[in-house]
Amino acid sequence: MRHPSVTSARAAYVSLALVVAAGAAACGPKDNDANGSGGDSAPHQGGTLTVLNSDPQTDFDPARLYTSGGGNVPSLVFRTLTTRNRANGAAGTKVVPDLATDTGRPSKDATVWTYTLKAGLKYEDGTPITSADIKYGIERSFAPELSGGAPYLRDWLVGAADYQGPYKDKKGLSAIETPDDRTIVFHLNKPEGEFPFLATQTQFTPVPKAKDTGTKYEEHPISSGPYKVVKNENDGEHLVLERNKYWSASADDQRKAYPDKIDVQSGLDSSVINQRLSASQGTDAAAVTTDTNLGPAELAKVTGDKELAARVGTGHFGYTNYIAFNPKVKPFDNPKVRQAISYAVDRSSVINAAGGSALAEPATTFLPDQKSFGYTPYDLFPAGDTGNAAKAKELLKEAGHPNGLTVTLTHDNAENFKTSPEIATAIQDALKKAGITVKLQGLEDNNYSDTVHSVKTEPGFFLAAWGADWPSGGPFLAPIFDGRQIVKDGANFNASQLNDASVNAEIDSINKLTDLDAAAERWGALDKKIGAQALTVPLFHPVYKRLVGKDVKNVVISDWTGVLDISQVAVK
């Protein structure tokens, strides 16, 4: 997922950006409130919020966006059946109703989900929002020319696998029924207790068929949210949003929509963004970023300034950086070799390479350390803070390598503090103490992604990362360890190519549960079971530190996204 503010899990894997360019596990500003200065801290309506971003908000069409919880800027324009709870910390991991009256009513073993729309919902032009519009919005997301969104609907909906969208197949999807203007029913191939989470994705945004302009729709999508698009320049590089007068706060208890105007300026260098937020001059005093973190050097400077430190928001997105093994490549076919490396890793040096303890927290579990994921503490190959070289050498001897061995670690050349040279070098130094000589193979960003995500070219030992499409163990464990999700002729994320019948069956069994707390416990237990096979070495979970302008108030950071929720911000 692209980091949270922009997109979601598979994007986060490739660029620490959605869903953060966004992400979060601890809470809304924990060490501070980051609520701006001034005597009156209560949020007020009015003013212009400026958003300073590195990445443009491209493909601003609900069919094409891959977001977590509806995204950040997108959720100001696109409402969905459900949404994320706009609250600090763990409360923000809950799914809540948005356009719908509830989070969905399951039947037939969670293979059928029914939603009722709230009464009186309207688009920016005053026309009513209907269930048929949501059905049509989903159907158009299947059109090849509008691809890019989350893939779940194609897999989950009955008869949807080969559907090509309404432009080519006007019959639509029979798996989605709209018996009246306020009712929509989904028929699934198999039980999916987490369907309410999926319904937060922008593909569930209503689109009026009469206003659909195909690939040009992104230039002026019809708003169902508190703001409408009045300008979209250079494919999302400059977006200007103004109030949608037909949006009703009484029918939307999640978005506060305090500012009168949102001005999104992108294509900026990250250092420039942080400099502008720090200085807070002119319009920058009422500015935020949805995709730019403070780096180690910047954070050190900010920490020494009391006023700046008070304007830093802290968050944790469900995201894990790890070492991936391909057991089909020697010597990683031997579990003892994988275990030896697990013991040899020095997490302290890795965390230092990732920017220090303020920006990274040690991980010994694959699941992020948040309750919503089902986090169950375990450390099956305890390396301590600095690695256990002696235990690693013992295992190498048992594996037939009494004199150590030489391996190649593949990493990304991009200095992203997650799969980058700094992290690789820290691992190289630690493993040397255990008699393992590590040769580093650095690849350019696109080449790295293509290489490690193809079963034909996947190396045996490489750096990887994974972020959550929503805060649950399902979209975290299934893409990485479900054998049925191994992709042989495309982007594959099951690096270990694990196809364990008992793991697959447990995933199916948990997916039937509509009690998400019960499901979370099962995901945690499954994480530990898989962890015993030493198919990955969890390294750390990132921490997000972001500045806001001095006049920004009402900073809310949930454990769903890990970054400031733009729908809650006030600037007066």
Protein backbone atom coordinates (compact mmCIF):
# COMPACT_ATOMS: atom_id res chain seq x y z
CA MET A 1 0.00 0.00 0.00
CA ARG A 2 1.31 3.39 -0.60
CA HIS A 3 1.77 4.97 2.69
CA PRO A 4 -1.57 5.97 4.26
CA SER A 5 -2.21 9.48 3.33
CA VAL A 6 -2.02 8.63 -0.27
CA THR A 7 -3.05 5.05 -0.47
CA SER A 8 -2.83 1.65 1.21
CA ALA A 9 -1.06 -1.66 1.93
CA ARG A 10 0.53 -2.80 -1.23
CA ALA A 11 1.43 0.81 -1.81
CA ALA A 12 3.00 1.18 1.58
CA TYR A 13 5.14 -1.78 0.65
CA VAL A 14 6.67 0.04 -2.27
CA SER A 15 6.83 3.59 -0.97
CA LEU A 16 6.61 4.60 2.66
CA ALA A 17 3.92 6.86 1.81
CA LEU A 18 -0.96 6.00 2.21
CA VAL A 19 -2.23 5.21 3.03
CA VAL A 20 1.35 7.34 4.78
CA ALA A 21 2.75 8.82 2.59
CA ALA A 22 0.64 7.92 6.13
CA GLY A 23 0.30 5.36 9.07
CA ALA A 24 -0.22 4.73 13.20
CA ALA A 25 -0.13 2.43 16.30
CA ALA A 26 0.31 4.41 19.44
CA CYS A 27 -2.09 7.24 19.68
CA GLY A 28 -2.83 10.73 18.68
CA PRO A 29 -0.17 13.07 19.82
CA LYS A 30 1.04 11.21 22.85
CA ASP A 31 4.02 13.25 23.88
CA ASN A 32 2.26 16.48 22.94
CA ASP A 33 -1.02 17.80 21.65
CA ALA A 34 0.27 19.51 18.49
CA ASN A 35 -2.79 21.70 18.66
CA GLY A 36 -1.20 25.00 17.73
CA SER A 37 -0.57 28.09 19.77
CA GLY A 38 -2.73 30.98 20.85
CA GLY A 39 -4.99 31.71 23.77
CA ASP A 40 -8.16 30.23 22.26
CA SER A 41 -7.47 26.61 21.34
CA ALA A 42 -11.09 25.73 20.56
CA PRO A 43 -11.58 24.89 16.87
CA HIS A 44 -13.64 27.30 14.78
CA GLN A 45 -15.12 27.22 11.31
CA GLY A 46 -13.61 29.27 8.52
CA GLY A 47 -10.29 30.06 6.90
CA THR A 48 -8.12 28.23 4.40
CA LEU A 49 -6.12 25.10 5.23
CA THR A 50 -3.00 24.68 3.11
CA VAL A 51 -1.65 21.18 2.51
CA LEU A 52 2.05 20.94 1.57
CA ASN A 53 2.87 17.57 0.03
CA SER A 54 5.65 15.82 -1.78
CA ASP A 55 3.52 13.47 -3.88
CA PRO A 56 0.67 14.81 -6.05
CA GLN A 57 -2.83 13.46 -5.44
CA THR A 58 -2.91 11.67 -8.80
CA ASP A 59 -5.86 9.74 -10.26
CA PHE A 60 -8.41 11.66 -8.19
CA ASP A 61 -11.18 9.26 -9.17
CA PRO A 62 -12.75 7.01 -6.51
CA ALA A 63 -12.40 4.01 -8.84
CA ARG A 64 -8.65 4.44 -9.19
CA LEU A 65 -7.56 5.25 -5.64
CA TYR A 66 -6.10 2.62 -3.33
CA THR A 67 -6.55 4.04 0.14
CA SER A 68 -6.69 2.98 3.75
CA GLY A 69 -9.98 3.96 5.35
CA GLY A 70 -10.89 6.17 2.41
CA GLY A 71 -7.66 8.14 2.39
CA ASN A 72 -7.00 11.60 3.76
CA VAL A 73 -7.64 14.26 1.12
CA PRO A 74 -9.95 11.89 -0.86
CA SER A 75 -12.27 11.41 2.13
CA LEU A 76 -13.08 15.13 2.07
CA VAL A 77 -14.79 14.64 -1.29
CA PHE A 78 -15.70 10.94 -1.39
CA ARG A 79 -18.02 9.43 1.21
CA THR A 80 -18.40 5.66 1.36
CA LEU A 81 -20.78 3.14 2.95
CA THR A 82 -18.54 2.96 6.03
CA THR A 83 -15.51 4.91 7.17
CA ARG A 84 -12.82 4.94 9.84
CA ASN A 85 -13.70 6.39 13.23
CA ARG A 86 -12.13 9.87 13.35
CA ALA A 87 -10.68 9.60 16.84
CA ASN A 88 -7.28 9.55 18.52
CA GLY A 89 -5.47 6.32 19.22
CA ALA A 90 -7.05 2.88 19.39
CA ALA A 91 -10.58 4.30 19.15
CA GLY A 92 -9.64 5.32 15.63
CA THR A 93 -9.23 1.69 14.51
CA LYS A 94 -12.99 1.12 14.56
CA VAL A 95 -15.08 1.04 11.41
CA VAL A 96 -18.23 3.20 11.65
CA PRO A 97 -21.18 4.06 9.38
CA ASP A 98 -20.75 6.79 6.78
CA LEU A 99 -23.39 6.93 4.03
CA ALA A 100 -25.00 3.86 5.57
CA THR A 101 -27.04 3.69 8.76
CA ASP A 102 -24.81 0.95 10.20
CA THR A 103 -21.67 -0.99 9.34
CA GLY A 104 -23.63 -3.67 7.48
CA ARG A 105 -25.92 -6.56 8.32
CA PRO A 106 -24.44 -9.99 7.53
CA SER A 107 -26.43 -13.09 6.71
CA LYS A 108 -25.85 -16.54 5.24
CA ASP A 109 -22.60 -17.02 7.15
CA ALA A 110 -21.32 -13.53 6.22
CA THR A 111 -21.63 -14.19 2.48
CA VAL A 112 -24.44 -11.64 2.13
CA TRP A 113 -24.13 -8.06 3.40
CA THR A 114 -26.99 -5.55 3.40
CA TYR A 115 -26.77 -1.78 3.86
CA THR A 116 -29.38 0.95 4.16
CA LEU A 117 -28.47 4.52 3.18
CA LYS A 118 -29.21 7.44 5.47
CA ALA A 119 -32.12 9.60 4.41
CA GLY A 120 -31.63 12.92 2.61
CA LEU A 121 -28.10 12.38 1.26
CA LYS A 122 -27.18 14.74 -1.60
CA TYR A 123 -24.40 15.42 -4.09
CA GLU A 124 -22.78 18.82 -4.59
CA ASP A 125 -25.43 19.68 -7.20
CA GLY A 126 -28.30 18.93 -4.83
CA THR A 127 -29.42 15.70 -6.50
CA PRO A 128 -30.09 12.71 -4.20
CA ILE A 129 -27.56 9.94 -3.61
CA THR A 130 -29.04 6.50 -4.30
CA SER A 131 -28.00 2.90 -3.81
CA ALA A 132 -27.85 2.54 -7.60
CA ASP A 133 -25.12 5.20 -7.63
CA ILE A 134 -23.02 3.16 -5.22
CA LYS A 135 -23.54 0.03 -7.32
CA TYR A 136 -22.51 1.96 -10.44
CA GLY A 137 -19.47 3.46 -8.68
CA ILE A 138 -18.28 -0.03 -7.77
CA GLU A 139 -18.94 -1.38 -11.26
CA ARG A 140 -16.94 1.34 -12.99
CA SER A 141 -13.95 0.47 -10.77
CA PHE A 142 -13.76 -2.80 -12.74
CA ALA A 143 -13.14 -0.95 -16.03
CA PRO A 144 -9.54 -1.57 -17.17
CA GLU A 145 -9.05 2.13 -17.93
CA LEU A 146 -9.97 2.98 -14.32
CA SER A 147 -7.81 0.36 -12.60
CA GLY A 148 -5.67 1.01 -9.55
CA GLY A 149 -8.03 0.47 -6.63
CA ALA A 150 -8.01 -2.33 -4.05
CA PRO A 151 -8.45 -5.77 -5.69
CA TYR A 152 -10.76 -7.35 -3.11
CA LEU A 153 -14.09 -6.78 -4.88
CA ARG A 154 -13.00 -8.75 -7.94
CA ASP A 155 -12.08 -11.65 -5.67
CA TRP A 156 -15.01 -11.43 -3.24
CA LEU A 157 -18.10 -10.64 -5.32
CA VAL A 158 -19.93 -13.53 -6.98
CA GLY A 159 -19.26 -13.61 -10.71
CA ALA A 160 -16.94 -10.60 -10.66
CA ALA A 161 -13.64 -12.24 -11.61
CA ASP A 162 -13.91 -11.47 -15.33
CA TYR A 163 -16.17 -8.42 -15.23
CA GLN A 164 -14.86 -5.54 -17.36
CA GLY A 165 -16.97 -2.66 -16.06
CA PRO A 166 -20.14 -0.92 -17.26
CA TYR A 167 -18.61 0.64 -20.38
CA LYS A 168 -18.13 -2.81 -21.93
CA ASP A 169 -20.76 -4.80 -20.01
CA LYS A 170 -23.87 -2.73 -19.40
CA LYS A 171 -25.64 -5.57 -17.56
CA GLY A 172 -23.60 -4.77 -14.48
CA LEU A 173 -22.82 -7.04 -11.56
CA SER A 174 -25.68 -9.29 -10.47
CA ALA A 175 -23.82 -9.81 -7.16
CA ILE A 176 -24.90 -6.27 -6.16
CA GLU A 177 -28.63 -5.73 -5.76
CA THR A 178 -30.46 -2.44 -5.20
CA PRO A 179 -34.08 -3.33 -4.39
CA ASP A 180 -34.86 0.33 -3.66
CA ASP A 181 -33.09 3.70 -3.61
CA ARG A 182 -31.77 3.25 -0.08
CA THR A 183 -30.92 -0.47 0.03
CA ILE A 184 -27.87 -2.24 -1.40
CA VAL A 185 -27.07 -5.95 -1.01
CA PHE A 186 -23.75 -7.66 -1.72
CA HIS A 187 -23.39 -11.39 -2.49
CA LEU A 188 -19.93 -12.82 -1.81
CA ASN A 189 -18.14 -15.97 -2.95
CA LYS A 190 -17.12 -16.85 0.59
CA PRO A 191 -17.61 -15.59 4.14
CA GLU A 192 -15.95 -12.24 4.76
CA GLY A 193 -16.45 -10.94 8.29
CA GLU A 194 -14.35 -7.88 7.50
CA PHE A 195 -16.53 -6.62 4.65
CA PRO A 196 -17.33 -3.44 6.67
CA PHE A 197 -13.62 -2.55 6.50
CA LEU A 198 -13.58 -3.02 2.72
CA ALA A 199 -16.61 -0.73 2.45
CA THR A 200 -14.38 2.16 3.59
CA GLN A 201 -12.46 2.01 0.30
CA THR A 202 -13.21 4.76 -2.22
CA GLN A 203 -14.64 2.24 -4.70
CA PHE A 204 -17.78 2.38 -2.52
CA THR A 205 -18.22 6.07 -3.34
CA PRO A 206 -21.50 6.87 -5.15
CA VAL A 207 -21.06 8.03 -8.75
CA PRO A 208 -24.08 9.37 -10.68
CA LYS A 209 -24.08 7.55 -14.02
CA ALA A 210 -25.31 10.65 -15.89
CA LYS A 211 -22.27 12.62 -14.69
CA ASP A 212 -19.65 9.94 -15.37
CA THR A 213 -17.04 11.19 -17.84
CA GLY A 214 -14.84 8.10 -17.76
CA THR A 215 -11.12 8.81 -17.51
CA LYS A 216 -11.86 12.55 -17.29
CA TYR A 217 -14.03 12.13 -14.19
CA GLU A 218 -10.99 12.75 -11.98
CA GLU A 219 -10.91 16.37 -13.17
CA HIS A 220 -14.25 17.06 -11.49
CA PRO A 221 -15.64 14.12 -9.54
CA ILE A 222 -19.11 14.78 -8.11
CA SER A 223 -18.72 15.30 -4.38
CA SER A 224 -20.68 13.41 -1.75
CA GLY A 225 -18.51 14.85 1.04
CA PRO A 226 -18.11 18.23 2.73
CA TYR A 227 -15.90 19.66 -0.01
CA LYS A 228 -16.06 19.79 -3.82
CA VAL A 229 -13.21 20.06 -6.32
CA VAL A 230 -12.96 23.51 -7.89
CA LYS A 231 -9.45 23.09 -9.33
CA ASN A 232 -7.30 20.10 -10.30
CA GLU A 233 -4.08 21.07 -12.06
CA ASN A 234 -1.40 18.74 -13.46
CA ASP A 235 -3.11 15.53 -12.32
CA GLY A 236 -3.46 16.40 -8.66
CA GLU A 237 -0.35 18.54 -8.24
CA HIS A 238 -2.56 21.45 -7.23
CA LEU A 239 -6.01 20.71 -5.83
CA VAL A 240 -8.38 23.32 -4.49
CA LEU A 241 -11.46 22.25 -2.55
CA GLU A 242 -14.34 24.44 -1.42
CA ARG A 243 -17.44 23.75 0.63
CA ASN A 244 -20.21 21.55 -0.76
CA LYS A 245 -23.30 23.45 0.38
CA TYR A 246 -25.46 20.32 0.14
CA TRP A 247 -23.34 18.36 2.60
CA SER A 248 -25.06 18.05 5.96
CA ALA A 249 -23.21 17.66 9.24
CA SER A 250 -26.34 16.05 10.67
CA ALA A 251 -25.86 13.16 8.22
CA ASP A 252 -22.07 12.98 8.72
CA ASP A 253 -20.82 12.77 12.31
CA GLN A 254 -17.23 11.96 11.27
CA ARG A 255 -15.96 14.89 9.21
CA LYS A 256 -15.76 18.21 11.08
CA ALA A 257 -15.05 20.26 7.92
CA TYR A 258 -13.94 23.39 9.80
CA PRO A 259 -12.03 25.26 7.03
CA ASP A 260 -13.92 26.97 4.21
CA LYS A 261 -11.24 26.03 1.70
CA ILE A 262 -8.52 23.38 1.30
CA ASP A 263 -5.52 24.24 -0.91
CA VAL A 264 -3.38 21.16 -1.68
CA GLN A 265 0.05 22.01 -3.13
CA SER A 266 2.26 19.09 -4.16
CA GLY A 267 5.52 18.34 -5.92
CA LEU A 268 7.52 19.92 -3.09
CA ASP A 269 10.82 18.70 -1.69
CA SER A 270 10.38 17.16 1.74
CA SER A 271 13.00 19.43 3.31
CA VAL A 272 11.23 22.48 1.89
CA ILE A 273 7.91 21.27 3.34
CA ASN A 274 9.37 20.91 6.82
CA GLN A 275 11.14 24.26 6.57
CA ARG A 276 7.92 26.00 5.60
CA LEU A 277 5.92 24.32 8.37
CA SER A 278 8.64 25.18 10.86
CA ALA A 279 8.76 28.85 9.87
CA SER A 280 4.94 29.10 9.64
CA GLN A 281 5.01 32.36 7.70
CA GLY A 282 1.90 33.73 5.99
CA THR A 283 -0.44 31.00 4.75
CA ASP A 284 2.03 28.36 5.99
CA ALA A 285 0.90 29.13 9.55
CA ALA A 286 -2.32 27.31 8.66
CA ALA A 287 -0.62 24.44 6.84
CA VAL A 288 -0.17 20.69 7.32
CA THR A 289 1.32 17.82 5.35
CA THR A 290 -0.29 14.46 4.68
CA ASP A 291 2.79 12.70 3.31
CA THR A 292 6.02 14.13 4.75
CA ASN A 293 7.68 12.95 7.93
CA LEU A 294 10.43 14.60 9.93
CA GLY A 295 13.75 12.93 9.24
CA PRO A 296 16.35 12.15 11.93
CA ALA A 297 18.29 15.41 11.50
CA GLU A 298 15.13 17.52 11.33
CA LEU A 299 13.68 15.81 14.37
CA ALA A 300 16.81 16.52 16.38
CA LYS A 301 16.53 20.20 15.53
CA VAL A 302 12.82 20.32 16.33
CA THR A 303 13.21 18.49 19.62
CA GLY A 304 15.50 21.22 20.88
CA ASP A 305 12.90 23.93 20.26
CA LYS A 306 10.01 23.92 22.73
CA GLU A 307 7.61 25.79 20.42
CA LEU A 308 8.33 23.51 17.44
CA ALA A 309 8.20 20.37 19.58
CA ALA A 310 4.68 21.34 20.64
CA ARG A 311 3.67 21.28 16.97
CA VAL A 312 4.81 17.71 16.27
CA GLY A 313 2.17 15.01 16.00
CA THR A 314 3.19 11.40 16.71
CA GLY A 315 1.51 8.38 15.16
CA HIS A 316 1.92 4.70 14.37
CA PHE A 317 0.46 3.07 11.27
CA GLY A 318 0.09 -0.71 11.05
CA TYR A 319 3.38 -1.33 9.25
CA THR A 320 6.24 -3.80 9.65
CA ASN A 321 9.75 -3.70 8.20
CA TYR A 322 11.31 -7.13 7.96
CA ILE A 323 13.80 -9.49 6.34
CA ALA A 324 12.15 -11.83 3.83
CA PHE A 325 13.43 -15.30 2.99
CA ASN A 326 12.75 -17.32 -0.15
CA PRO A 327 13.17 -20.94 1.05
CA LYS A 328 13.41 -22.12 -2.55
CA VAL A 329 16.89 -20.54 -2.70
CA LYS A 330 19.77 -22.23 -0.85
CA PRO A 331 20.85 -22.02 1.94
CA PHE A 332 17.52 -20.51 3.05
CA ASP A 333 15.75 -23.80 2.42
CA ASN A 334 17.26 -24.89 5.74
CA PRO A 335 15.15 -23.60 8.68
CA LYS A 336 18.22 -23.58 10.93
CA VAL A 337 19.93 -21.06 8.65
CA ARG A 338 16.87 -18.82 8.82
CA GLN A 339 16.77 -19.23 12.60
CA ALA A 340 20.47 -18.40 12.88
CA ILE A 341 19.95 -15.13 11.04
CA SER A 342 16.95 -14.40 13.27
CA TYR A 343 19.16 -14.78 16.34
CA ALA A 344 22.06 -12.80 14.86
CA VAL A 345 20.10 -9.64 14.03
CA ASP A 346 21.01 -6.56 16.06
CA ARG A 347 17.75 -4.60 16.27
CA SER A 348 19.38 -1.69 18.10
CA SER A 349 21.70 -0.99 15.17
CA VAL A 350 18.83 -1.45 12.72
CA ILE A 351 16.70 1.07 14.62
CA ASN A 352 19.59 3.53 14.68
CA ALA A 353 19.89 3.11 10.91
CA ALA A 354 16.15 3.79 10.59
CA GLY A 355 16.51 7.13 12.36
CA GLY A 356 16.63 6.19 16.02
CA SER A 357 14.13 5.11 18.65
CA ALA A 358 11.95 8.19 18.10
CA LEU A 359 11.26 7.03 14.54
CA ALA A 360 11.31 3.23 14.87
CA GLU A 361 10.27 0.64 17.44
CA PRO A 362 11.69 -2.92 17.59
CA ALA A 363 9.54 -5.74 16.22
CA THR A 364 9.68 -9.44 17.04
CA THR A 365 6.19 -10.23 15.69
CA PHE A 366 5.05 -9.88 12.10
CA LEU A 367 1.78 -8.26 13.15
CA PRO A 368 2.08 -4.64 14.32
CA ASP A 369 1.81 -4.13 18.07
CA GLN A 370 -1.78 -2.93 18.06
CA LYS A 371 -4.78 -4.69 19.57
CA SER A 372 -6.88 -4.29 16.43
CA PHE A 373 -4.44 -6.48 14.49
CA GLY A 374 -4.59 -9.19 17.14
CA TYR A 375 -1.09 -8.44 18.36
CA THR A 376 0.15 -11.33 20.50
CA PRO A 377 3.64 -10.77 21.96
CA TYR A 378 6.21 -13.42 21.09
CA ASP A 379 9.94 -13.61 20.49
CA LEU A 380 10.68 -17.10 19.25
CA PHE A 381 14.33 -16.42 18.39
CA PRO A 382 15.38 -13.97 21.11
CA ALA A 383 18.30 -11.91 19.88
CA GLY A 384 18.15 -9.34 22.65
CA ASP A 385 18.92 -5.77 21.75
CA THR A 386 22.26 -6.47 20.08
CA GLY A 387 21.95 -9.96 18.60
CA ASN A 388 22.85 -13.42 19.89
CA ALA A 389 25.88 -14.38 17.82
CA ALA A 390 26.68 -17.45 19.92
CA LYS A 391 23.25 -19.02 19.38
CA ALA A 392 23.45 -18.18 15.69
CA LYS A 393 26.83 -19.94 15.34
CA GLU A 394 25.44 -22.99 17.15
CA LEU A 395 22.54 -23.23 14.68
CA LEU A 396 24.82 -22.72 11.69
CA LYS A 397 26.93 -25.63 12.87
CA GLU A 398 23.81 -27.81 13.15
CA ALA A 399 22.88 -26.68 9.63
CA GLY A 400 26.21 -27.93 8.28
CA HIS A 401 28.04 -24.60 8.21
CA PRO A 402 30.53 -24.84 11.10
CA ASN A 403 32.79 -22.28 9.44
CA GLY A 404 30.01 -19.85 8.68
CA LEU A 405 28.63 -19.00 5.25
CA THR A 406 28.34 -16.23 2.69
CA VAL A 407 24.97 -14.88 1.55
CA THR A 408 23.68 -11.96 -0.53
CA LEU A 409 21.19 -9.45 0.88
CA THR A 410 19.14 -7.52 -1.70
CA HIS A 411 17.97 -4.02 -0.81
CA ASP A 412 16.62 -0.83 -2.33
CA ASN A 413 19.09 1.94 -3.16
CA ALA A 414 16.50 4.57 -2.26
CA GLU A 415 17.33 6.17 1.10
CA ASN A 416 13.90 5.51 2.61
CA PHE A 417 15.05 4.31 6.05
CA LYS A 418 13.22 1.00 5.62
CA THR A 419 14.56 -1.19 2.79
CA SER A 420 17.55 1.03 2.14
CA PRO A 421 21.37 0.79 2.31
CA GLU A 422 21.53 1.99 5.92
CA ILE A 423 19.35 -0.90 7.12
CA ALA A 424 21.21 -3.42 4.95
CA THR A 425 24.58 -2.33 6.32
CA ALA A 426 23.37 -2.66 9.91
CA ILE A 427 22.30 -6.26 9.20
CA GLN A 428 25.58 -6.96 7.42
CA ASP A 429 27.58 -5.80 10.46
CA ALA A 430 25.50 -7.85 12.92
CA LEU A 431 25.64 -11.08 10.93
CA LYS A 432 29.42 -10.79 10.55
CA LYS A 433 29.70 -11.38 14.32
CA ALA A 434 27.95 -14.72 13.83
CA GLY A 435 30.28 -15.81 11.04
CA ILE A 436 27.89 -14.88 8.24
CA THR A 437 29.44 -12.81 5.47
CA VAL A 438 26.78 -10.67 3.83
CA LYS A 439 27.30 -9.29 0.34
CA LEU A 440 24.99 -6.37 -0.40
CA GLN A 441 23.08 -6.11 -3.67
CA GLY A 442 21.50 -2.69 -4.05
CA LEU A 443 18.91 -2.14 -6.77
CA GLU A 444 17.30 1.04 -8.05
CA ASP A 445 13.78 1.54 -6.72
CA ASN A 446 11.72 0.23 -9.66
CA ASN A 447 14.14 -2.60 -10.38
CA TYR A 448 14.13 -3.58 -6.71
CA SER A 449 10.33 -3.73 -6.62
CA ASP A 450 10.09 -5.72 -9.85
CA THR A 451 12.82 -8.16 -8.74
CA VAL A 452 11.60 -9.00 -5.25
CA HIS A 453 7.92 -9.23 -6.28
CA SER A 454 8.42 -11.78 -9.04
CA VAL A 455 8.62 -15.49 -8.25
CA LYS A 456 10.95 -15.82 -11.26
CA THR A 457 13.56 -13.36 -9.98
CA GLU A 458 12.93 -13.23 -6.23
CA PRO A 459 16.21 -13.44 -4.29
CA GLY A 460 16.65 -15.69 -1.27
CA PHE A 461 17.35 -12.91 1.23
CA PHE A 462 16.03 -9.35 0.96
CA LEU A 463 14.58 -6.39 2.84
CA ALA A 464 10.82 -5.93 2.73
CA ALA A 465 7.95 -4.05 4.35
CA TRP A 466 4.19 -4.36 4.58
CA GLY A 467 1.41 -1.97 5.55
CA ALA A 468 -2.24 -2.56 6.35
CA ASP A 469 -5.20 -1.94 4.07
CA TRP A 470 -7.19 -1.70 7.29
CA PRO A 471 -6.37 -2.36 10.96
CA SER A 472 -6.81 -6.12 11.13
CA GLY A 473 -4.63 -9.21 10.89
CA GLY A 474 -6.41 -10.36 7.71
CA PRO A 475 -4.98 -7.97 5.13
CA PHE A 476 -1.66 -8.25 6.93
CA LEU A 477 -1.17 -12.02 7.04
CA ALA A 478 -3.15 -13.29 4.05
CA PRO A 479 -1.26 -11.52 1.22
CA ILE A 480 2.08 -12.60 2.73
CA PHE A 481 1.33 -16.17 3.85
CA ASP A 482 -1.81 -17.49 2.10
CA GLY A 483 -0.61 -20.01 -0.49
CA ARG A 484 -3.57 -19.26 -2.74
CA GLN A 485 -2.35 -15.69 -3.07
CA ILE A 486 0.95 -16.68 -4.66
CA VAL A 487 1.06 -14.88 -8.00
CA LYS A 488 3.26 -16.63 -10.56
CA ASP A 489 2.91 -14.17 -13.43
CA GLY A 490 2.55 -10.83 -11.65
CA ALA A 491 3.32 -8.98 -8.43
CA ASN A 492 3.72 -11.60 -5.72
CA PHE A 493 3.95 -10.67 -2.02
CA ASN A 494 4.08 -14.18 -0.55
CA ALA A 495 7.88 -14.11 -0.65
CA SER A 496 8.29 -17.38 1.24
CA GLN A 497 5.83 -18.97 -1.22
CA LEU A 498 4.25 -20.63 1.80
CA ASN A 499 1.32 -22.86 0.84
CA ASP A 500 0.43 -24.56 4.10
CA ALA A 501 -3.03 -26.16 4.09
CA SER A 502 -3.50 -25.58 7.82
CA VAL A 503 -2.59 -21.88 7.48
CA ASN A 504 -4.93 -21.45 4.50
CA ALA A 505 -7.75 -23.17 6.36
CA GLU A 506 -7.29 -21.00 9.46
CA ILE A 507 -7.41 -17.87 7.32
CA ASP A 508 -10.72 -19.04 5.85
CA SER A 509 -12.06 -19.90 9.29
CA ILE A 510 -11.17 -16.50 10.76
CA ASN A 511 -12.66 -14.71 7.75
CA LYS A 512 -16.06 -16.16 8.66
CA LEU A 513 -16.09 -14.31 11.98
CA THR A 514 -18.10 -11.11 12.24
CA ASP A 515 -16.97 -10.68 15.85
CA LEU A 516 -13.80 -8.72 15.05
CA ASP A 517 -12.41 -8.99 18.60
CA ALA A 518 -12.62 -12.78 18.41
CA ALA A 519 -11.06 -12.66 14.95
CA ALA A 520 -8.20 -10.52 16.24
CA GLU A 521 -7.27 -13.16 18.84
CA ARG A 522 -7.16 -15.81 16.13
CA TRP A 523 -4.99 -13.62 13.86
CA GLY A 524 -2.53 -13.19 16.71
CA ALA A 525 -2.31 -16.92 17.30
CA LEU A 526 -1.83 -17.54 13.58
CA ASP A 527 0.96 -14.96 13.48
CA LYS A 528 2.82 -16.87 16.18
CA LYS A 529 2.27 -20.20 14.42
CA ILE A 530 3.69 -18.87 11.17
CA GLY A 531 6.48 -17.07 13.02
CA ALA A 532 7.80 -20.41 14.29
CA GLN A 533 8.77 -21.27 10.69
CA ALA A 534 11.24 -18.34 10.58
CA LEU A 535 10.08 -17.23 7.16
CA THR A 536 10.69 -13.59 8.05
CA VAL A 537 12.71 -11.63 10.57
CA PRO A 538 10.58 -8.74 11.86
CA LEU A 539 12.84 -5.72 12.40
CA PHE A 540 10.87 -2.62 13.38
CA HIS A 541 7.65 -0.66 13.16
CA PRO A 542 8.02 2.96 11.99
CA VAL A 543 6.88 5.95 14.04
CA TYR A 544 5.60 9.03 12.24
CA LYS A 545 6.56 12.51 13.38
CA ARG A 546 4.98 15.40 11.47
CA LEU A 547 4.96 19.14 11.93
CA VAL A 548 1.88 21.34 11.64
CA GLY A 549 1.66 25.11 11.18
CA LYS A 550 1.39 27.27 14.30
CA ASP A 551 -2.28 28.16 13.66
CA VAL A 552 -3.45 24.57 13.13
CA LYS A 553 -5.76 23.21 15.80
CA ASN A 554 -7.65 20.01 16.59
CA VAL A 555 -4.99 17.52 15.55
CA VAL A 556 -6.42 14.00 15.60
CA ILE A 557 -4.16 11.00 14.89
CA SER A 558 -5.72 7.55 14.88
CA ASP A 559 -4.11 4.14 15.03
CA TRP A 560 -5.75 3.44 11.65
CA THR A 561 -3.69 5.95 9.65
CA GLY A 562 -1.02 7.16 12.04
CA VAL A 563 -1.14 10.70 10.68
CA LEU A 564 -3.14 13.85 11.21
CA ASP A 565 -6.74 13.44 10.00
CA ILE A 566 -7.34 16.36 7.69
CA SER A 567 -11.12 16.14 8.17
CA GLN A 568 -10.74 17.21 11.82
CA VAL A 569 -8.37 20.16 11.43
CA ALA A 570 -9.30 23.77 12.20
CA VAL A 571 -7.22 26.82 11.31
CA LYS A 572 -8.89 29.57 13.36
